[in-house]
Amino acid sequence: MNAPAPRNIHTTLRVNGEDTQVSFAPYKTLLEVLREDLNLTGTKHGCELGECGACAVLVDGEPVLSCLTLALECEGRSIETVEGLAQGTKLHPLQAAFADHGGSQCGYCTPGMLMTAKALLEAEPAPSRERIKEAISGNLCRCTGYQQIVDAIENAAAEMRGAHK
């Protein structure tokens, strides 16, 4: 005899500053809930093994791999996705810098890179190039060679500090 399917969890998740009612199976990852249940498809579905960083989002300001995080673990916590970066039509300085410096080519890694970089710059407003490289070391990019990404993060950091480069 087959076991009954698990019942859905009904809860509120705080995503990009807004409380959202959501119902999902208890085994679903945060990545699945964001993409499938909340239609926030900016967070990318990459390796499902926690190795590529394409699914990185911020939970309580810290980067987490949403493919390895159960959505249930995020109840009562603040979740930030790439969709929450821009303020209306005004890009976040990181988004603008990625565009200006060619930090995004195919774009698949970009949401995870942006969220990881945001966490870095909130913790360290003036990181060295080595620190930037270290912070994004869990985010893989097959297109850029990372130079443009590091340049973009460095430029955004200066912009956010008001020290235009």
N, C-alpha and C. Protein backbone atom coordinates (compact mmCIF):
# COMPACT_ATOMS: atom_id res chain seq x y z
N MET A 1 0.84 -1.18 0.00
CA MET A 1 0.00 0.00 0.00
C MET A 1 0.88 1.24 0.00
N ASN A 2 0.53 2.22 -0.84
CA ASN A 2 1.29 3.46 -0.92
C ASN A 2 0.98 4.36 0.26
N ALA A 3 2.01 5.03 0.73
CA ALA A 3 1.82 6.00 1.81
C ALA A 3 1.09 7.21 1.25
N PRO A 4 0.28 7.88 2.06
CA PRO A 4 -0.42 9.07 1.56
C PRO A 4 0.58 10.18 1.26
N ALA A 5 0.26 10.99 0.27
CA ALA A 5 1.12 12.12 -0.08
C ALA A 5 1.18 13.09 1.09
N PRO A 6 2.34 13.71 1.30
CA PRO A 6 2.43 14.68 2.40
C PRO A 6 1.49 15.86 2.16
N ARG A 7 0.91 16.35 3.23
CA ARG A 7 0.02 17.50 3.12
C ARG A 7 0.83 18.77 2.93
N ASN A 8 0.24 19.69 2.21
CA ASN A 8 0.90 20.97 1.98
C ASN A 8 1.02 21.76 3.27
N ILE A 9 2.08 22.53 3.33
CA ILE A 9 2.32 23.47 4.42
C ILE A 9 1.70 24.80 3.98
N HIS A 10 0.96 25.44 4.83
CA HIS A 10 0.39 26.76 4.56
C HIS A 10 1.09 27.73 5.49
N THR A 11 1.81 28.68 4.91
CA THR A 11 2.59 29.59 5.74
C THR A 11 2.74 30.93 5.04
N THR A 12 3.40 31.83 5.73
CA THR A 12 3.73 33.15 5.18
C THR A 12 5.24 33.24 5.07
N LEU A 13 5.72 33.59 3.89
CA LEU A 13 7.13 33.85 3.69
C LEU A 13 7.30 35.34 3.41
N ARG A 14 8.33 35.92 3.98
CA ARG A 14 8.64 37.33 3.72
C ARG A 14 9.67 37.37 2.59
N VAL A 15 9.20 37.75 1.41
CA VAL A 15 10.05 37.75 0.21
C VAL A 15 10.12 39.17 -0.34
N ASN A 16 11.32 39.66 -0.49
CA ASN A 16 11.56 41.01 -1.02
C ASN A 16 10.74 42.07 -0.29
N GLY A 17 10.69 41.91 1.03
CA GLY A 17 10.04 42.90 1.88
C GLY A 17 8.54 42.77 2.01
N GLU A 18 7.95 41.77 1.35
CA GLU A 18 6.50 41.60 1.43
C GLU A 18 6.15 40.23 1.98
N ASP A 19 5.17 40.20 2.87
CA ASP A 19 4.67 38.93 3.38
C ASP A 19 3.78 38.30 2.31
N THR A 20 4.05 37.03 2.01
CA THR A 20 3.33 36.33 0.97
C THR A 20 2.81 35.00 1.51
N GLN A 21 1.49 34.79 1.38
CA GLN A 21 0.90 33.51 1.76
C GLN A 21 1.27 32.49 0.70
N VAL A 22 1.71 31.32 1.13
CA VAL A 22 2.09 30.29 0.18
C VAL A 22 1.76 28.92 0.75
N SER A 23 1.45 28.00 -0.13
CA SER A 23 1.14 26.63 0.24
C SER A 23 2.01 25.72 -0.62
N PHE A 24 2.75 24.82 0.03
CA PHE A 24 3.67 23.96 -0.72
C PHE A 24 3.91 22.66 0.03
N ALA A 25 4.38 21.68 -0.72
CA ALA A 25 4.72 20.39 -0.12
C ALA A 25 5.93 20.58 0.80
N PRO A 26 5.97 19.90 1.95
CA PRO A 26 7.04 20.13 2.93
C PRO A 26 8.44 19.75 2.44
N TYR A 27 8.53 18.98 1.39
CA TYR A 27 9.84 18.57 0.87
C TYR A 27 10.41 19.55 -0.16
N LYS A 28 9.66 20.59 -0.52
CA LYS A 28 10.12 21.51 -1.57
C LYS A 28 11.24 22.41 -1.07
N THR A 29 12.19 22.62 -1.96
CA THR A 29 13.29 23.54 -1.64
C THR A 29 12.81 24.97 -1.81
N LEU A 30 13.59 25.87 -1.23
CA LEU A 30 13.29 27.29 -1.40
C LEU A 30 13.32 27.66 -2.88
N LEU A 31 14.25 27.11 -3.63
CA LEU A 31 14.33 27.37 -5.06
C LEU A 31 13.02 26.98 -5.75
N GLU A 32 12.50 25.82 -5.44
CA GLU A 32 11.26 25.36 -6.07
C GLU A 32 10.08 26.25 -5.70
N VAL A 33 9.99 26.64 -4.44
CA VAL A 33 8.88 27.49 -4.01
C VAL A 33 8.98 28.86 -4.67
N LEU A 34 10.19 29.43 -4.72
CA LEU A 34 10.35 30.74 -5.35
C LEU A 34 9.95 30.68 -6.82
N ARG A 35 10.45 29.70 -7.54
CA ARG A 35 10.21 29.63 -8.98
C ARG A 35 8.81 29.12 -9.32
N GLU A 36 8.39 28.04 -8.69
CA GLU A 36 7.16 27.36 -9.09
C GLU A 36 5.91 27.92 -8.41
N ASP A 37 6.02 28.29 -7.15
CA ASP A 37 4.84 28.72 -6.40
C ASP A 37 4.69 30.24 -6.36
N LEU A 38 5.81 30.96 -6.37
CA LEU A 38 5.76 32.42 -6.30
C LEU A 38 6.09 33.09 -7.64
N ASN A 39 6.44 32.29 -8.64
CA ASN A 39 6.75 32.78 -9.98
C ASN A 39 7.89 33.81 -9.99
N LEU A 40 8.84 33.65 -9.08
CA LEU A 40 10.04 34.49 -9.05
C LEU A 40 11.15 33.71 -9.75
N THR A 41 11.16 33.80 -11.07
CA THR A 41 12.05 32.96 -11.87
C THR A 41 13.44 33.56 -12.10
N GLY A 42 13.72 34.70 -11.49
CA GLY A 42 15.06 35.27 -11.61
C GLY A 42 16.10 34.38 -10.95
N THR A 43 15.74 33.73 -9.86
CA THR A 43 16.64 32.79 -9.20
C THR A 43 16.75 31.57 -10.11
N LYS A 44 17.96 31.22 -10.49
CA LYS A 44 18.16 30.18 -11.50
C LYS A 44 18.31 28.79 -10.91
N HIS A 45 17.83 27.85 -11.67
CA HIS A 45 17.90 26.42 -11.34
C HIS A 45 19.14 25.88 -12.06
N GLY A 46 20.20 25.63 -11.31
CA GLY A 46 21.46 25.20 -11.92
C GLY A 46 21.74 23.74 -11.69
N CYS A 47 22.67 23.46 -10.81
CA CYS A 47 23.18 22.10 -10.62
C CYS A 47 22.36 21.23 -9.67
N GLU A 48 21.58 21.84 -8.80
CA GLU A 48 20.82 21.15 -7.74
C GLU A 48 21.72 20.45 -6.73
N LEU A 49 23.00 20.76 -6.75
CA LEU A 49 23.96 20.11 -5.85
C LEU A 49 24.69 21.11 -4.96
N GLY A 50 24.35 22.38 -5.08
CA GLY A 50 25.02 23.39 -4.28
C GLY A 50 26.43 23.71 -4.75
N GLU A 51 26.71 23.46 -6.02
CA GLU A 51 28.06 23.66 -6.53
C GLU A 51 28.22 24.86 -7.45
N CYS A 52 27.11 25.40 -7.99
CA CYS A 52 27.27 26.44 -9.01
C CYS A 52 26.92 27.85 -8.53
N GLY A 53 26.07 27.99 -7.53
CA GLY A 53 25.72 29.30 -7.01
C GLY A 53 24.66 30.05 -7.79
N ALA A 54 24.13 29.48 -8.87
CA ALA A 54 23.12 30.17 -9.69
C ALA A 54 21.85 30.43 -8.90
N CYS A 55 21.60 29.65 -7.87
CA CYS A 55 20.36 29.76 -7.09
C CYS A 55 20.53 30.58 -5.81
N ALA A 56 21.65 31.27 -5.65
CA ALA A 56 21.90 32.01 -4.42
C ALA A 56 20.88 33.13 -4.22
N VAL A 57 20.34 33.18 -3.02
CA VAL A 57 19.45 34.25 -2.57
C VAL A 57 19.95 34.66 -1.19
N LEU A 58 19.40 35.73 -0.66
CA LEU A 58 19.77 36.14 0.69
C LEU A 58 18.66 35.74 1.65
N VAL A 59 19.04 35.13 2.74
CA VAL A 59 18.11 34.82 3.83
C VAL A 59 18.68 35.51 5.06
N ASP A 60 17.91 36.44 5.58
CA ASP A 60 18.36 37.29 6.68
C ASP A 60 19.71 37.94 6.34
N GLY A 61 19.85 38.35 5.08
CA GLY A 61 21.03 39.08 4.64
C GLY A 61 22.23 38.23 4.28
N GLU A 62 22.15 36.93 4.47
CA GLU A 62 23.27 36.03 4.17
C GLU A 62 22.99 35.22 2.92
N PRO A 63 23.99 35.04 2.06
CA PRO A 63 23.76 34.22 0.87
C PRO A 63 23.53 32.76 1.25
N VAL A 64 22.50 32.17 0.66
CA VAL A 64 22.23 30.74 0.83
C VAL A 64 21.95 30.15 -0.54
N LEU A 65 22.24 28.88 -0.66
CA LEU A 65 21.93 28.17 -1.90
C LEU A 65 20.51 27.64 -1.76
N SER A 66 19.61 28.23 -2.53
CA SER A 66 18.20 27.89 -2.38
C SER A 66 17.88 26.48 -2.83
N CYS A 67 18.76 25.86 -3.61
CA CYS A 67 18.52 24.47 -4.03
C CYS A 67 18.78 23.49 -2.90
N LEU A 68 19.49 23.91 -1.88
CA LEU A 68 19.82 23.04 -0.74
C LEU A 68 19.06 23.42 0.53
N THR A 69 18.19 24.42 0.43
CA THR A 69 17.48 24.93 1.60
C THR A 69 16.01 24.59 1.48
N LEU A 70 15.48 23.92 2.48
CA LEU A 70 14.04 23.66 2.48
C LEU A 70 13.29 24.98 2.70
N ALA A 71 12.23 25.17 1.95
CA ALA A 71 11.44 26.38 2.10
C ALA A 71 10.93 26.52 3.54
N LEU A 72 10.61 25.39 4.17
CA LEU A 72 10.14 25.40 5.56
C LEU A 72 11.12 26.10 6.50
N GLU A 73 12.41 25.97 6.21
CA GLU A 73 13.44 26.56 7.05
C GLU A 73 13.41 28.09 7.02
N CYS A 74 12.70 28.65 6.05
CA CYS A 74 12.71 30.09 5.86
C CYS A 74 11.51 30.80 6.45
N GLU A 75 10.62 30.07 7.08
CA GLU A 75 9.47 30.67 7.73
C GLU A 75 9.95 31.64 8.81
N GLY A 76 9.42 32.85 8.79
CA GLY A 76 9.81 33.86 9.78
C GLY A 76 11.12 34.55 9.48
N ARG A 77 11.70 34.28 8.33
CA ARG A 77 12.98 34.90 7.97
C ARG A 77 12.77 35.79 6.74
N SER A 78 13.71 36.68 6.50
CA SER A 78 13.62 37.60 5.37
C SER A 78 14.37 37.00 4.18
N ILE A 79 13.67 36.84 3.07
CA ILE A 79 14.24 36.27 1.85
C ILE A 79 14.35 37.39 0.81
N GLU A 80 15.52 37.53 0.21
CA GLU A 80 15.70 38.51 -0.86
C GLU A 80 16.13 37.78 -2.12
N THR A 81 15.45 38.10 -3.22
CA THR A 81 15.81 37.54 -4.52
C THR A 81 16.23 38.68 -5.44
N VAL A 82 16.73 38.33 -6.60
CA VAL A 82 17.17 39.33 -7.56
C VAL A 82 16.03 40.26 -7.97
N GLU A 83 14.80 39.78 -7.93
CA GLU A 83 13.66 40.63 -8.27
C GLU A 83 13.50 41.79 -7.30
N GLY A 84 14.04 41.67 -6.11
CA GLY A 84 13.93 42.72 -5.10
C GLY A 84 15.04 43.75 -5.13
N LEU A 85 16.00 43.62 -6.04
CA LEU A 85 17.12 44.56 -6.06
C LEU A 85 16.74 45.95 -6.56
N ALA A 86 16.10 46.03 -7.70
CA ALA A 86 15.75 47.32 -8.29
C ALA A 86 14.66 47.99 -7.46
N GLN A 87 14.68 49.30 -7.44
CA GLN A 87 13.62 50.09 -6.79
C GLN A 87 12.78 50.70 -7.91
N GLY A 88 11.69 50.03 -8.24
CA GLY A 88 10.88 50.47 -9.37
C GLY A 88 11.68 50.29 -10.65
N THR A 89 11.87 51.39 -11.38
CA THR A 89 12.66 51.32 -12.63
C THR A 89 14.13 51.65 -12.40
N LYS A 90 14.49 52.00 -11.17
CA LYS A 90 15.88 52.34 -10.86
C LYS A 90 16.66 51.09 -10.47
N LEU A 91 17.65 50.77 -11.28
CA LEU A 91 18.47 49.60 -11.00
C LEU A 91 19.29 49.79 -9.73
N HIS A 92 19.54 48.70 -9.04
CA HIS A 92 20.49 48.70 -7.92
C HIS A 92 21.87 48.99 -8.52
N PRO A 93 22.76 49.66 -7.80
CA PRO A 93 24.10 49.94 -8.34
C PRO A 93 24.82 48.69 -8.85
N LEU A 94 24.60 47.55 -8.23
CA LEU A 94 25.23 46.32 -8.73
C LEU A 94 24.69 45.95 -10.10
N GLN A 95 23.38 46.05 -10.29
CA GLN A 95 22.79 45.73 -11.58
C GLN A 95 23.32 46.67 -12.66
N ALA A 96 23.37 47.96 -12.35
CA ALA A 96 23.87 48.94 -13.32
C ALA A 96 25.33 48.68 -13.65
N ALA A 97 26.13 48.36 -12.64
CA ALA A 97 27.55 48.10 -12.88
C ALA A 97 27.76 46.83 -13.70
N PHE A 98 26.97 45.79 -13.45
CA PHE A 98 27.07 44.57 -14.26
C PHE A 98 26.77 44.89 -15.71
N ALA A 99 25.77 45.72 -15.97
CA ALA A 99 25.43 46.11 -17.34
C ALA A 99 26.55 46.95 -17.95
N ASP A 100 27.06 47.91 -17.21
CA ASP A 100 28.10 48.81 -17.72
C ASP A 100 29.42 48.11 -17.99
N HIS A 101 29.76 47.10 -17.21
CA HIS A 101 31.06 46.44 -17.30
C HIS A 101 31.02 45.11 -18.04
N GLY A 102 29.88 44.74 -18.58
CA GLY A 102 29.78 43.44 -19.27
C GLY A 102 29.92 42.28 -18.30
N GLY A 103 29.45 42.47 -17.08
CA GLY A 103 29.55 41.42 -16.07
C GLY A 103 28.56 40.30 -16.27
N SER A 104 27.69 40.47 -17.23
CA SER A 104 26.70 39.44 -17.53
C SER A 104 26.74 39.17 -19.02
N GLN A 105 27.05 37.94 -19.38
CA GLN A 105 27.02 37.60 -20.80
C GLN A 105 25.81 36.74 -21.07
N CYS A 106 25.85 35.45 -20.75
CA CYS A 106 24.64 34.65 -20.97
C CYS A 106 23.61 34.98 -19.89
N GLY A 107 24.06 35.44 -18.72
CA GLY A 107 23.16 35.89 -17.67
C GLY A 107 22.72 34.83 -16.68
N TYR A 108 23.06 33.59 -16.93
CA TYR A 108 22.54 32.53 -16.06
C TYR A 108 23.08 32.64 -14.64
N CYS A 109 24.33 32.97 -14.47
CA CYS A 109 24.92 33.07 -13.14
C CYS A 109 24.63 34.40 -12.47
N THR A 110 24.17 35.38 -13.24
CA THR A 110 24.07 36.75 -12.76
C THR A 110 23.21 36.93 -11.51
N PRO A 111 22.01 36.35 -11.43
CA PRO A 111 21.23 36.57 -10.20
C PRO A 111 21.97 36.11 -8.94
N GLY A 112 22.60 34.96 -8.98
CA GLY A 112 23.35 34.47 -7.83
C GLY A 112 24.55 35.34 -7.53
N MET A 113 25.23 35.81 -8.58
CA MET A 113 26.37 36.71 -8.39
C MET A 113 25.91 38.01 -7.74
N LEU A 114 24.82 38.58 -8.24
CA LEU A 114 24.32 39.84 -7.70
C LEU A 114 23.96 39.73 -6.23
N MET A 115 23.28 38.66 -5.88
CA MET A 115 22.85 38.51 -4.49
C MET A 115 24.05 38.26 -3.56
N THR A 116 24.99 37.48 -4.02
CA THR A 116 26.20 37.23 -3.23
C THR A 116 26.99 38.53 -3.06
N ALA A 117 27.10 39.30 -4.15
CA ALA A 117 27.82 40.57 -4.10
C ALA A 117 27.10 41.56 -3.18
N LYS A 118 25.78 41.58 -3.21
CA LYS A 118 25.02 42.48 -2.34
C LYS A 118 25.33 42.19 -0.87
N ALA A 119 25.35 40.92 -0.52
CA ALA A 119 25.66 40.55 0.87
C ALA A 119 27.08 41.00 1.23
N LEU A 120 28.02 40.81 0.31
CA LEU A 120 29.40 41.23 0.56
C LEU A 120 29.46 42.73 0.81
N LEU A 121 28.85 43.52 -0.08
CA LEU A 121 28.96 44.97 0.03
C LEU A 121 28.20 45.53 1.23
N GLU A 122 27.18 44.85 1.68
CA GLU A 122 26.51 45.29 2.90
C GLU A 122 27.37 45.03 4.13
N ALA A 123 28.15 43.95 4.09
CA ALA A 123 29.04 43.62 5.21
C ALA A 123 30.36 44.37 5.13
N GLU A 124 30.84 44.56 3.90
CA GLU A 124 32.14 45.19 3.66
C GLU A 124 31.99 46.20 2.53
N PRO A 125 31.76 47.46 2.84
CA PRO A 125 31.53 48.45 1.79
C PRO A 125 32.72 48.71 0.86
N ALA A 126 33.92 48.38 1.28
CA ALA A 126 35.11 48.65 0.46
C ALA A 126 36.00 47.40 0.38
N PRO A 127 35.49 46.31 -0.18
CA PRO A 127 36.31 45.09 -0.23
C PRO A 127 37.43 45.20 -1.27
N SER A 128 38.51 44.52 -0.99
CA SER A 128 39.60 44.44 -1.97
C SER A 128 39.18 43.53 -3.12
N ARG A 129 39.92 43.59 -4.22
CA ARG A 129 39.63 42.70 -5.35
C ARG A 129 39.76 41.24 -4.92
N GLU A 130 40.73 40.95 -4.08
CA GLU A 130 40.90 39.57 -3.60
C GLU A 130 39.70 39.14 -2.76
N ARG A 131 39.19 40.04 -1.93
CA ARG A 131 38.03 39.73 -1.11
C ARG A 131 36.79 39.51 -1.97
N ILE A 132 36.65 40.32 -3.03
CA ILE A 132 35.53 40.13 -3.96
C ILE A 132 35.62 38.75 -4.60
N LYS A 133 36.82 38.39 -5.06
CA LYS A 133 37.01 37.07 -5.69
C LYS A 133 36.68 35.95 -4.71
N GLU A 134 37.11 36.12 -3.48
CA GLU A 134 36.82 35.11 -2.45
C GLU A 134 35.31 34.99 -2.21
N ALA A 135 34.64 36.13 -2.11
CA ALA A 135 33.20 36.12 -1.82
C ALA A 135 32.39 35.45 -2.91
N ILE A 136 32.79 35.62 -4.17
CA ILE A 136 32.02 35.04 -5.28
C ILE A 136 32.58 33.69 -5.74
N SER A 137 33.52 33.15 -4.99
CA SER A 137 34.16 31.90 -5.41
C SER A 137 33.20 30.72 -5.51
N GLY A 138 32.07 30.79 -4.85
CA GLY A 138 31.07 29.73 -4.95
C GLY A 138 30.07 29.93 -6.08
N ASN A 139 30.24 31.00 -6.84
CA ASN A 139 29.36 31.31 -7.96
C ASN A 139 30.14 31.08 -9.25
N LEU A 140 29.74 30.08 -10.00
CA LEU A 140 30.46 29.74 -11.22
C LEU A 140 29.91 30.48 -12.43
N CYS A 141 30.83 30.94 -13.29
CA CYS A 141 30.48 31.60 -14.54
C CYS A 141 31.30 30.95 -15.64
N ARG A 142 30.64 30.57 -16.71
CA ARG A 142 31.35 29.94 -17.83
C ARG A 142 31.62 30.91 -18.96
N CYS A 143 31.18 32.18 -18.83
CA CYS A 143 31.27 33.11 -19.96
C CYS A 143 32.32 34.21 -19.81
N THR A 144 32.39 34.83 -18.65
CA THR A 144 33.11 36.10 -18.55
C THR A 144 34.57 35.99 -18.17
N GLY A 145 34.99 34.92 -17.56
CA GLY A 145 36.35 34.88 -17.04
C GLY A 145 36.49 35.66 -15.75
N TYR A 146 35.40 36.16 -15.20
CA TYR A 146 35.30 36.82 -13.89
C TYR A 146 35.86 38.24 -13.85
N GLN A 147 36.73 38.63 -14.76
CA GLN A 147 37.32 39.97 -14.71
C GLN A 147 36.24 41.06 -14.71
N GLN A 148 35.28 40.94 -15.63
CA GLN A 148 34.23 41.94 -15.72
C GLN A 148 33.32 41.92 -14.49
N ILE A 149 33.13 40.75 -13.91
CA ILE A 149 32.29 40.63 -12.71
C ILE A 149 32.97 41.32 -11.53
N VAL A 150 34.25 41.07 -11.35
CA VAL A 150 34.99 41.71 -10.26
C VAL A 150 35.03 43.22 -10.48
N ASP A 151 35.27 43.66 -11.73
CA ASP A 151 35.26 45.09 -12.05
C ASP A 151 33.91 45.71 -11.68
N ALA A 152 32.83 45.03 -12.04
CA ALA A 152 31.48 45.54 -11.78
C ALA A 152 31.23 45.66 -10.29
N ILE A 153 31.60 44.65 -9.53
CA ILE A 153 31.37 44.68 -8.07
C ILE A 153 32.22 45.79 -7.44
N GLU A 154 33.45 45.92 -7.89
CA GLU A 154 34.33 46.97 -7.37
C GLU A 154 33.74 48.35 -7.68
N ASN A 155 33.24 48.53 -8.89
CA ASN A 155 32.65 49.80 -9.29
C ASN A 155 31.38 50.09 -8.49
N ALA A 156 30.53 49.08 -8.32
CA ALA A 156 29.30 49.25 -7.55
C ALA A 156 29.61 49.62 -6.11
N ALA A 157 30.64 49.01 -5.56
CA ALA A 157 31.04 49.32 -4.17
C ALA A 157 31.40 50.79 -4.06
N ALA A 158 32.19 51.29 -5.02
CA ALA A 158 32.57 52.70 -5.01
C ALA A 158 31.35 53.59 -5.18
N GLU A 159 30.45 53.23 -6.07
CA GLU A 159 29.22 53.99 -6.29
C GLU A 159 28.38 54.04 -5.01
N MET A 160 28.25 52.90 -4.35
CA MET A 160 27.44 52.84 -3.14
C MET A 160 28.06 53.63 -1.99
N ARG A 161 29.38 53.75 -2.00
CA ARG A 161 30.08 54.55 -0.97
C ARG A 161 30.11 56.03 -1.34
N GLY A 162 29.73 56.35 -2.59
CA GLY A 162 29.81 57.73 -3.05
C GLY A 162 31.20 58.11 -3.50
N ALA A 163 32.05 57.11 -3.72
CA ALA A 163 33.43 57.34 -4.17
C ALA A 163 33.55 56.90 -5.62
N HIS A 164 32.85 57.57 -6.52
CA HIS A 164 32.80 57.18 -7.93
C HIS A 164 34.18 56.95 -8.47
N LYS A 165 34.32 55.79 -9.17
CA LYS A 165 35.62 55.46 -9.77
C LYS A 165 35.69 56.02 -11.16
